[in-house]
Amino acid sequence: MRVAYVCTDPGVPVFGRKGASVHVQAVLGALTARGDQLQVIAARVGDDRPAHLPAMPVHVLPVATAESARAREHALRRADDHVVDVLDHLAHQGGVDLVYERYALWGRSATAWAAERGVPSVVEVNAPLVEEQSLHRVLVDRTAAERVAHEVLSRAGTVVCVSERVAAWARAHSTNPERVHVVGNGVDTHRVRPAAEPPDETPFTIGFVGSLKPWHGVEDLVSAVALLAAGDDGYRLLVVGDGPQREAIRSQVRALSLDDVVEMTGAVPPDEIPTLLHRMHVAVAPYPSVPDFYFSPLKVYEYLAAGLPVVATRTGELTSTLGHGRHGVLVDPADPAQLAAALAGLRADRARRAALGRSGRRAAVEQHDWADVVTRVLTLAGADHVTA
């Protein structure tokens, strides 16, 4: 199948290290593993192409530099116009069987092109971006962004959303809400596997993987580790990732005298994540209480695939992802003492850790492998039977 994969969000480099980039690479990898022929159209490429991802053509959109937020929005809208030129070229060269677009604030051309030519299309929605941009960044022309969302989500042949809350937002912006479906995130269970041998019991390493943002709750995890380390020098915390909260977390670590307890790796290439997961005894998703929690965290699927016992807060999709406690331990958000107690309990019960790890790995393989996730998406789009 000839697939045009479109990502017009310059904040998501196709070959980058951030979670959204890893998500893009996972979808591309699953499509290529099927034997599909990919053409990537992107606003930003990045320079961290994973070793496991085969080479593929990438068409880079011209995004003009802009100093103000308003000028930047106009530049991105103009860049999106060039998507039509690329798609026309691809159609002329050999054809396009499917347009697969990662929803972006100003990306409307790909879906419109597909609708006008009768080409199947998928729009993948990972977040209610209009709300997210308004709340956490800057959105000058919200009316235009809402109009783009309505147009794209109404024209798409199939809309797939990572969670029920994202799907509710998408349905509210579409004249065809019956085309909106929920397909959670996944993990490459061949690339992320359990360690051949578990790490030594001492030090007991608690892990976190992800971007350091306010809504990821790493500060609560550091506080929990401080409680544990106050009476036991056998604990370590391994924080893998980078982000805007990095300095705040480092300051917290210093203030709590945890410099010898907490290791912060900074950003690392996606291919290094499995090795870092193998250093952990337990992995944590310590989300605080977030109104309308809409995430489907990649980190949790990676934890499960690595056969790690998971401790996560009882919020949003996390409860069901962890099988309501069958694949991990659920705690209340923003409660470092409860989180510390859960971690101490797992340290003391090696057999339970092993059982949770086996259960989580089984769930990752049977329910969340990217190959199956992408197949579900293509089935919804009626394109699963099309081969290269």
Protein backbone atom coordinates (compact mmCIF):
# COMPACT_ATOMS: atom_id res chain seq x y z
CA MET A 1 0.00 0.00 0.00
CA ARG A 2 1.28 3.47 -0.89
CA VAL A 3 0.92 5.62 2.21
CA ALA A 4 1.48 9.36 2.52
CA TYR A 5 2.21 10.05 6.19
CA VAL A 6 1.70 13.72 7.05
CA CYS A 7 2.94 15.59 10.14
CA THR A 8 2.72 19.38 9.77
CA ASP A 9 3.49 20.11 13.43
CA PRO A 10 6.99 21.65 13.67
CA GLY A 11 6.98 20.78 17.37
CA VAL A 12 7.08 17.09 16.44
CA PRO A 13 10.27 16.31 14.51
CA VAL A 14 9.79 13.01 12.71
CA PHE A 15 13.22 11.83 13.77
CA GLY A 16 13.40 13.39 17.23
CA ARG A 17 13.68 12.17 20.82
CA LYS A 18 10.50 13.52 22.40
CA GLY A 19 7.54 11.27 23.09
CA ALA A 20 5.51 12.54 20.15
CA SER A 21 8.43 11.82 17.82
CA VAL A 22 8.76 8.30 19.22
CA HIS A 23 5.04 7.86 18.51
CA VAL A 24 5.52 8.95 14.89
CA GLN A 25 8.46 6.59 14.47
CA ALA A 26 6.44 3.71 15.92
CA VAL A 27 3.62 4.19 13.42
CA LEU A 28 6.10 4.51 10.55
CA GLY A 29 7.87 1.37 11.70
CA ALA A 30 4.65 -0.63 11.90
CA LEU A 31 3.61 0.48 8.42
CA THR A 32 6.96 -0.38 6.88
CA ALA A 33 6.94 -3.76 8.64
CA ARG A 34 3.71 -4.51 6.79
CA GLY A 35 5.52 -3.86 3.54
CA ASP A 36 3.79 -0.55 2.86
CA GLN A 37 5.56 2.07 0.76
CA LEU A 38 5.85 5.28 2.76
CA GLN A 39 6.29 8.88 1.71
CA VAL A 40 6.65 11.21 4.69
CA ILE A 41 5.53 14.84 4.51
CA ALA A 42 6.72 16.84 7.50
CA ALA A 43 7.32 20.36 8.75
CA ARG A 44 10.40 19.25 10.70
CA VAL A 45 12.62 16.23 10.23
CA GLY A 46 15.05 16.12 13.16
CA ASP A 47 18.42 14.38 13.17
CA ASP A 48 17.87 11.38 15.47
CA ARG A 49 16.75 8.71 13.02
CA PRO A 50 16.51 5.45 15.01
CA ALA A 51 18.72 2.63 13.82
CA HIS A 52 15.77 0.24 13.70
CA LEU A 53 13.78 2.43 11.29
CA PRO A 54 14.49 1.87 7.58
CA ALA A 55 15.24 4.75 5.23
CA MET A 56 12.21 6.38 3.62
CA PRO A 57 11.60 9.47 1.47
CA VAL A 58 10.85 12.63 3.48
CA HIS A 59 9.38 15.76 1.89
CA VAL A 60 10.11 18.78 4.07
CA LEU A 61 7.59 21.61 4.07
CA PRO A 62 8.99 25.15 3.86
CA VAL A 63 8.17 26.87 7.15
CA ALA A 64 9.16 30.52 7.14
CA THR A 65 10.83 31.89 10.26
CA ALA A 66 8.66 34.19 12.33
CA GLU A 67 9.31 36.32 15.38
CA SER A 68 5.79 36.72 16.77
CA ALA A 69 3.22 34.05 17.63
CA ARG A 70 0.76 35.53 15.15
CA ALA A 71 3.32 35.51 12.34
CA ARG A 72 4.28 31.94 13.21
CA GLU A 73 0.67 30.79 12.93
CA HIS A 74 0.42 32.38 9.49
CA ALA A 75 3.71 30.77 8.44
CA LEU A 76 2.46 27.33 9.45
CA ARG A 77 -0.80 27.82 7.57
CA ARG A 78 1.13 28.81 4.45
CA ALA A 79 3.45 25.81 4.84
CA ASP A 80 0.44 23.50 5.01
CA ASP A 81 -0.64 24.73 1.57
CA HIS A 82 2.44 23.01 0.13
CA VAL A 83 1.12 19.61 1.23
CA VAL A 84 -1.16 19.64 -1.81
CA ASP A 85 1.80 20.10 -4.14
CA VAL A 86 3.60 17.12 -2.61
CA LEU A 87 0.51 14.90 -2.73
CA ASP A 88 -0.17 15.86 -6.34
CA HIS A 89 3.41 14.93 -7.17
CA LEU A 90 3.11 11.57 -5.41
CA ALA A 91 -0.19 10.83 -7.14
CA HIS A 92 1.41 11.56 -10.48
CA GLN A 93 4.51 9.48 -9.73
CA GLY A 94 2.78 6.30 -8.60
CA GLY A 95 -0.37 6.99 -6.68
CA VAL A 96 -1.49 7.32 -3.07
CA ASP A 97 -3.64 4.61 -1.48
CA LEU A 98 -3.95 6.17 1.96
CA VAL A 99 -3.32 9.56 3.56
CA TYR A 100 -2.40 9.12 7.23
CA GLU A 101 -2.19 12.46 9.05
CA ARG A 102 -1.13 13.24 12.59
CA TYR A 103 -3.52 16.03 13.60
CA ALA A 104 -1.81 19.40 13.97
CA LEU A 105 -3.27 22.83 14.70
CA TRP A 106 -2.94 24.16 11.16
CA GLY A 107 -2.94 21.00 9.06
CA ARG A 108 -5.99 20.85 6.81
CA SER A 109 -4.71 20.35 3.26
CA ALA A 110 -3.96 16.62 3.36
CA THR A 111 -7.44 15.61 4.46
CA ALA A 112 -9.07 17.99 2.00
CA TRP A 113 -6.92 16.59 -0.82
CA ALA A 114 -7.90 13.02 0.06
CA ALA A 115 -11.61 13.83 0.32
CA GLU A 116 -11.67 15.58 -3.05
CA ARG A 117 -9.97 12.64 -4.78
CA GLY A 118 -11.73 9.79 -3.03
CA VAL A 119 -8.55 8.57 -1.32
CA PRO A 120 -9.05 6.94 2.11
CA SER A 121 -7.72 9.03 4.95
CA VAL A 122 -6.94 8.63 8.62
CA VAL A 123 -6.51 11.50 11.05
CA GLU A 124 -4.81 10.49 14.27
CA VAL A 125 -5.62 12.75 17.22
CA ASN A 126 -3.29 12.56 20.20
CA ALA A 127 -4.54 15.59 22.10
CA PRO A 128 -7.19 18.31 21.96
CA LEU A 129 -4.59 20.67 20.57
CA VAL A 130 -6.71 23.80 20.53
CA GLU A 131 -7.28 23.48 24.27
CA GLU A 132 -3.69 22.42 24.94
CA GLN A 133 -2.17 25.26 22.93
CA SER A 134 -4.41 27.83 24.61
CA LEU A 135 -3.66 26.55 28.11
CA HIS A 136 0.04 25.71 27.98
CA ARG A 137 1.46 27.79 25.14
CA VAL A 138 0.15 30.67 22.98
CA LEU A 139 -2.74 30.54 20.54
CA VAL A 140 -3.46 33.87 18.89
CA ASP A 141 -6.20 32.94 16.43
CA ARG A 142 -8.26 30.39 18.33
CA THR A 143 -11.24 30.87 16.02
CA ALA A 144 -9.15 29.81 13.02
CA ALA A 145 -7.73 26.83 14.91
CA GLU A 146 -11.24 25.69 15.85
CA ARG A 147 -12.28 26.05 12.20
CA VAL A 148 -9.34 23.91 11.06
CA ALA A 149 -10.20 21.23 13.62
CA HIS A 150 -13.84 21.18 12.51
CA GLU A 151 -12.88 20.95 8.84
CA VAL A 152 -10.27 18.22 9.28
CA LEU A 153 -12.25 16.06 11.69
CA SER A 154 -15.38 16.33 9.54
CA ARG A 155 -13.66 15.50 6.24
CA ALA A 156 -11.49 12.63 7.44
CA GLY A 157 -12.60 9.19 6.39
CA THR A 158 -11.52 7.81 9.78
CA VAL A 159 -10.52 9.61 12.97
CA VAL A 160 -8.61 7.65 15.63
CA CYS A 161 -8.07 9.08 19.09
CA VAL A 162 -5.77 7.84 21.85
CA SER A 163 -8.37 8.06 24.63
CA GLU A 164 -12.08 8.46 25.27
CA ARG A 165 -11.64 12.07 26.36
CA VAL A 166 -9.79 12.97 23.19
CA ALA A 167 -12.52 11.20 21.22
CA ALA A 168 -15.22 13.23 22.98
CA TRP A 169 -13.42 16.43 21.96
CA ALA A 170 -13.04 15.20 18.37
CA ARG A 171 -16.72 14.22 18.10
CA ALA A 172 -17.73 17.66 19.33
CA HIS A 173 -15.71 19.18 16.46
CA SER A 174 -17.00 16.90 13.71
CA THR A 175 -20.14 16.72 11.63
CA ASN A 176 -19.46 12.97 11.33
CA PRO A 177 -18.95 11.83 14.93
CA GLU A 178 -19.62 8.21 13.96
CA ARG A 179 -16.25 8.21 12.18
CA VAL A 180 -14.40 8.90 15.45
CA HIS A 181 -12.89 5.86 17.19
CA VAL A 182 -10.63 5.18 20.17
CA VAL A 183 -7.38 3.32 19.57
CA GLY A 184 -4.89 3.62 22.41
CA ASN A 185 -1.15 3.90 22.02
CA GLY A 186 1.18 0.94 21.78
CA VAL A 187 4.72 -0.32 22.04
CA ASP A 188 7.16 -2.27 19.91
CA THR A 189 7.34 -5.45 21.97
CA HIS A 190 10.20 -6.78 19.85
CA ARG A 191 12.37 -3.75 20.53
CA VAL A 192 11.34 -3.30 24.18
CA ARG A 193 11.73 -6.61 25.98
CA PRO A 194 12.39 -7.74 29.56
CA ALA A 195 16.01 -7.88 30.66
CA ALA A 196 17.72 -11.25 30.25
CA GLU A 197 18.57 -11.04 33.95
CA PRO A 198 16.99 -8.72 36.53
CA PRO A 199 19.30 -6.11 38.06
CA ASP A 200 20.90 -6.74 41.44
CA GLU A 201 18.55 -6.02 44.33
CA THR A 202 20.82 -3.29 45.68
CA PRO A 203 20.46 -0.49 44.99
CA PHE A 204 16.73 -0.73 44.37
CA THR A 205 16.18 1.45 41.31
CA ILE A 206 12.91 3.28 40.72
CA GLY A 207 12.52 4.61 37.19
CA PHE A 208 10.69 7.28 35.24
CA VAL A 209 10.83 7.80 31.47
CA GLY A 210 9.34 10.83 29.75
CA SER A 211 9.43 14.54 29.23
CA LEU A 212 9.76 16.66 32.34
CA LYS A 213 6.57 18.68 32.23
CA PRO A 214 4.33 19.96 35.04
CA TRP A 215 1.57 17.44 34.35
CA HIS A 216 3.88 14.41 34.61
CA GLY A 217 4.21 14.61 38.39
CA VAL A 218 7.94 13.94 38.67
CA GLU A 219 8.12 16.31 41.65
CA ASP A 220 5.77 13.99 43.56
CA LEU A 221 7.99 11.04 42.67
CA VAL A 222 11.09 12.86 43.96
CA SER A 223 9.22 13.62 47.19
CA ALA A 224 8.28 9.96 47.55
CA VAL A 225 11.88 8.87 47.03
CA ALA A 226 12.99 11.39 49.65
CA LEU A 227 10.70 9.68 52.15
CA LEU A 228 12.14 6.28 51.26
CA ALA A 229 15.77 7.40 51.26
CA ALA A 230 15.43 9.11 54.66
CA GLY A 231 15.53 5.75 56.38
CA ASP A 232 17.29 3.57 53.80
CA ASP A 233 20.28 4.34 51.60
CA GLY A 234 19.47 1.45 49.26
CA TYR A 235 17.11 3.38 46.99
CA ARG A 236 17.95 5.10 43.71
CA LEU A 237 15.81 7.10 41.29
CA LEU A 238 16.61 7.07 37.57
CA VAL A 239 14.90 9.89 35.63
CA VAL A 240 15.17 9.45 31.86
CA GLY A 241 14.16 12.47 29.81
CA ASP A 242 14.31 16.23 29.59
CA GLY A 243 11.89 19.13 29.55
CA PRO A 244 10.90 22.50 30.99
CA GLN A 245 10.79 21.20 34.60
CA ARG A 246 14.39 19.98 34.53
CA GLU A 247 15.87 22.82 36.60
CA ALA A 248 12.96 22.84 39.05
CA ILE A 249 13.43 19.11 39.64
CA ARG A 250 17.19 19.50 40.02
CA SER A 251 16.61 22.25 42.58
CA GLN A 252 14.20 19.98 44.45
CA VAL A 253 16.78 17.18 44.42
CA ARG A 254 19.43 19.50 45.88
CA ALA A 255 17.05 20.90 48.49
CA LEU A 256 16.20 17.38 49.66
CA SER A 257 19.88 16.30 49.68
CA LEU A 258 19.21 13.61 47.10
CA ASP A 259 22.17 14.32 44.81
CA ASP A 260 23.60 10.84 45.43
CA VAL A 261 20.20 9.19 45.07
CA VAL A 262 18.75 10.71 41.88
CA GLU A 263 20.29 10.29 38.43
CA MET A 264 18.92 12.44 35.61
CA THR A 265 20.04 11.33 32.16
CA GLY A 266 18.58 14.19 30.12
CA ALA A 267 17.26 13.47 26.64
CA VAL A 268 18.42 10.18 25.15
CA PRO A 269 17.89 8.57 21.73
CA PRO A 270 14.84 6.25 21.63
CA ASP A 271 17.09 3.28 20.84
CA GLU A 272 18.73 3.65 24.28
CA ILE A 273 15.48 3.43 26.23
CA PRO A 274 15.33 -0.40 26.47
CA THR A 275 18.78 -0.58 28.07
CA LEU A 276 17.83 2.08 30.62
CA LEU A 277 14.59 0.24 31.43
CA HIS A 278 16.68 -2.84 32.23
CA ARG A 279 18.36 -0.93 35.05
CA MET A 280 15.03 -0.44 36.84
CA HIS A 281 13.28 -2.64 39.39
CA VAL A 282 10.01 -0.74 39.17
CA ALA A 283 8.77 2.06 36.92
CA VAL A 284 6.43 4.92 37.78
CA ALA A 285 3.85 7.12 36.05
CA PRO A 286 3.18 9.64 38.84
CA TYR A 287 0.62 11.89 37.14
CA PRO A 288 -1.00 14.50 39.40
CA SER A 289 -4.73 15.11 39.42
CA VAL A 290 -5.26 16.65 35.98
CA PRO A 291 -8.74 17.82 34.95
CA ASP A 292 -9.92 15.95 31.86
CA PHE A 293 -6.87 13.67 31.79
CA TYR A 294 -6.70 12.66 28.14
CA PHE A 295 -3.29 11.00 27.81
CA SER A 296 -2.41 7.50 26.67
CA PRO A 297 1.16 7.49 28.00
CA LEU A 298 3.75 5.75 25.85
CA LYS A 299 5.94 5.30 28.91
CA VAL A 300 3.44 2.96 30.56
CA TYR A 301 3.31 0.67 27.52
CA GLU A 302 7.11 0.62 27.44
CA TYR A 303 7.21 -0.25 31.14
CA LEU A 304 4.80 -3.14 30.55
CA ALA A 305 6.72 -4.42 27.51
CA ALA A 306 9.94 -4.37 29.55
CA GLY A 307 8.31 -6.65 32.12
CA LEU A 308 8.55 -4.04 34.86
CA PRO A 309 6.08 -3.76 37.72
CA VAL A 310 4.36 -0.40 37.30
CA VAL A 311 3.15 2.08 39.88
CA ALA A 312 0.80 4.69 38.44
CA THR A 313 -1.74 7.15 39.69
CA ARG A 314 -5.40 6.28 39.49
CA THR A 315 -6.43 8.70 36.75
CA GLY A 316 -7.76 8.70 33.20
CA GLU A 317 -6.91 5.71 31.01
CA LEU A 318 -4.17 4.50 33.35
CA THR A 319 -6.57 2.50 35.48
CA SER A 320 -7.79 0.39 32.58
CA THR A 321 -4.34 0.18 30.97
CA LEU A 322 -3.06 -1.47 34.14
CA GLY A 323 -6.02 -3.85 34.20
CA HIS A 324 -7.50 -2.14 37.27
CA GLY A 325 -4.49 -3.36 39.26
CA ARG A 326 -3.76 -6.68 37.53
CA HIS A 327 -0.66 -5.33 35.76
CA GLY A 328 0.49 -2.74 38.29
CA VAL A 329 -0.18 -0.85 41.50
CA LEU A 330 -2.54 2.13 41.45
CA VAL A 331 -2.21 5.00 43.93
CA ASP A 332 -3.94 8.32 44.46
CA PRO A 333 -2.55 11.34 42.58
CA ALA A 334 -0.37 13.89 44.37
CA ASP A 335 0.18 11.67 47.43
CA PRO A 336 3.94 11.08 47.85
CA ALA A 337 3.44 9.13 51.09
CA GLN A 338 1.09 6.64 49.43
CA LEU A 339 3.42 6.38 46.45
CA ALA A 340 6.38 5.74 48.76
CA ALA A 341 4.44 3.03 50.59
CA ALA A 342 3.60 1.29 47.30
CA LEU A 343 7.24 1.37 46.20
CA ALA A 344 8.46 0.06 49.54
CA GLY A 345 5.89 -2.72 49.37
CA LEU A 346 7.11 -3.81 45.97
CA ARG A 347 10.72 -3.74 47.09
CA ALA A 348 9.85 -6.06 49.94
CA ASP A 349 7.92 -8.49 47.73
CA ARG A 350 10.11 -9.77 44.94
CA ALA A 351 7.60 -12.48 43.96
CA ARG A 352 4.85 -9.90 43.46
CA ARG A 353 7.15 -7.76 41.33
CA ALA A 354 7.88 -10.75 39.13
CA ALA A 355 4.19 -11.65 38.80
CA LEU A 356 3.22 -8.09 37.88
CA GLY A 357 6.05 -7.95 35.37
CA ARG A 358 4.92 -11.16 33.67
CA SER A 359 1.30 -10.01 33.60
CA GLY A 360 2.24 -6.63 32.17
CA ARG A 361 4.49 -8.12 29.50
CA ARG A 362 1.71 -10.49 28.45
CA ALA A 363 -0.76 -7.59 28.17
CA ALA A 364 1.72 -5.56 26.10
CA VAL A 365 2.27 -8.42 23.65
CA GLU A 366 -1.38 -9.47 23.37
CA GLN A 367 -3.09 -6.07 23.40
CA HIS A 368 -0.69 -3.19 22.77
CA ASP A 369 1.93 -4.13 20.19
CA TRP A 370 2.23 -1.39 17.56
CA ALA A 371 1.69 -3.90 14.75
CA ASP A 372 -1.74 -4.72 16.15
CA VAL A 373 -2.53 -1.09 16.95
CA VAL A 374 -1.80 0.04 13.40
CA THR A 375 -3.74 -2.91 11.99
CA ARG A 376 -6.78 -1.83 14.03
CA VAL A 377 -6.46 1.67 12.61
CA LEU A 378 -6.18 0.40 9.03
CA THR A 379 -9.13 -1.93 9.57
CA LEU A 380 -11.28 1.01 10.70
CA ALA A 381 -10.15 2.87 7.58
CA GLY A 382 -10.96 -0.12 5.36
CA ALA A 383 -7.34 -0.25 4.22
CA ASP A 384 -6.03 -3.30 6.07
CA HIS A 385 -6.44 -5.52 3.01
CA VAL A 386 -4.41 -3.26 0.72
CA THR A 387 -0.82 -4.41 0.26
CA ALA A 388 2.18 -2.92 -1.49
